[in-house]
């Protein structure tokens, strides 16, 4: 082989090596993104778990119980045909 062919072959090999390195970097970047997405999902799950004090979980739970209580008062008034306060003996 002459020197020009060797140089061309070495340039092709170098380009192939560079492209494989770039592909590995892209694969690593994609892997890093998927790891970050998984971490974000875990953080969301952790935020939805019970925490003591003022948290979004506590607020949602209290709101749901308040809706159940309000619905119960309406049902009591509809079924007893009197106001809740009178039914409860407050008035």
Protein backbone atom coordinates (compact mmCIF):
# COMPACT_ATOMS: atom_id res chain seq x y z
CA UNK A 1 0.00 0.00 0.00
CA UNK A 2 1.18 3.45 -0.69
CA UNK A 3 1.24 6.24 1.79
CA UNK A 4 -1.87 8.00 0.45
CA UNK A 5 -3.98 4.84 0.82
CA UNK A 6 -2.67 4.31 4.36
CA UNK A 7 -3.47 7.91 5.21
CA UNK A 8 -6.97 7.58 3.75
CA UNK A 9 -7.54 4.31 5.61
CA UNK A 10 -6.32 5.87 8.86
CA UNK A 11 -8.59 8.88 8.32
CA UNK A 12 -11.57 6.57 7.77
CA UNK A 13 -10.66 4.63 10.92
CA UNK A 14 -10.34 7.89 12.87
CA UNK A 15 -13.73 9.07 11.60
CA UNK A 16 -15.30 5.74 12.54
CA UNK A 17 -13.76 5.97 16.01
CA UNK A 18 -15.03 9.53 16.43
CA UNK A 19 -18.53 8.58 15.30
CA UNK A 20 -18.60 5.60 17.67
CA UNK A 21 -17.46 7.86 20.52
CA UNK A 22 -20.21 10.35 19.62
CA UNK A 23 -22.75 7.51 19.53
CA UNK A 24 -21.59 6.39 22.97
CA UNK A 25 -21.90 9.96 24.23
CA UNK A 26 -25.41 10.15 22.77
CA UNK A 27 -26.30 6.81 24.37
CA UNK A 28 -24.89 8.01 27.69
CA UNK A 29 -26.84 11.23 27.33
CA UNK A 30 -30.04 9.29 26.67
CA UNK A 31 -29.27 6.99 29.62
CA UNK A 32 -28.65 10.03 31.83
CA UNK A 33 -31.97 11.53 30.73
CA UNK A 34 -33.83 8.31 31.50
CA UNK A 35 -32.15 8.12 34.91
CA UNK A 36 -33.13 11.74 35.58
CA UNK A 37 -36.72 11.00 34.50
CA UNK A 38 -36.84 8.02 36.86
CA UNK A 39 -35.52 10.21 39.68
CA UNK A 40 -38.16 12.84 38.91
CA UNK A 41 -40.87 10.16 39.03
CA UNK A 42 -39.54 8.94 42.39
CA UNK A 43 -39.55 12.52 43.73
CA UNK A 44 -43.16 12.93 42.63
CA UNK A 45 -44.06 9.68 44.39
CA UNK A 46 -42.25 10.82 47.53
CA UNK A 47 -44.05 14.19 47.47
CA UNK A 48 -47.40 12.37 47.35
CA UNK A 49 -46.61 10.35 50.46
CA UNK A 50 -47.79 11.46 53.90
CA UNK A 51 -45.75 14.14 55.60
CA UNK A 52 -46.45 15.74 58.94
CA UNK A 53 -47.54 19.37 58.72
CA UNK A 54 -48.57 21.48 55.76
CA UNK A 55 -48.14 19.45 52.59
CA UNK A 56 -50.07 18.86 49.40
CA UNK A 57 -50.95 15.34 50.57
CA UNK A 58 -52.44 16.67 53.82
CA UNK A 59 -54.40 19.35 51.98
CA UNK A 60 -55.88 16.85 49.53
CA UNK A 61 -56.80 14.46 52.35
CA UNK A 62 -58.47 17.21 54.41
CA UNK A 63 -60.33 18.47 51.34
CA UNK A 64 -61.68 15.01 50.59
CA UNK A 65 -62.89 14.54 54.17
CA UNK A 66 -64.53 17.98 54.04
CA UNK A 67 -66.40 16.99 50.86
CA UNK A 68 -67.58 13.77 52.51
CA UNK A 69 -68.78 15.71 55.56
CA UNK A 70 -70.62 18.27 53.46
CA UNK A 71 -72.31 15.51 51.48
CA UNK A 72 -73.32 13.82 54.76
CA UNK A 73 -74.93 17.04 56.02
CA UNK A 74 -76.90 17.42 52.80
CA UNK A 75 -78.09 13.80 52.99
CA UNK A 76 -79.14 14.22 56.63
CA UNK A 77 -81.17 17.33 55.74
CA UNK A 78 -82.81 15.60 52.78
CA UNK A 79 -83.70 12.42 54.67
CA UNK A 80 -84.83 14.04 57.95
CA UNK A 81 -86.70 16.98 56.32
CA UNK A 82 -85.19 19.40 58.85
CA UNK A 83 -82.06 21.48 59.05
CA UNK A 84 -78.85 19.88 60.21
CA UNK A 85 -78.58 22.23 63.18
CA UNK A 86 -82.08 21.29 64.36
CA UNK A 87 -81.44 17.60 63.69
CA UNK A 88 -78.18 17.76 65.71
CA UNK A 89 -80.00 19.52 68.59
CA UNK A 90 -78.01 22.73 68.30
CA UNK A 91 -81.10 24.90 67.62
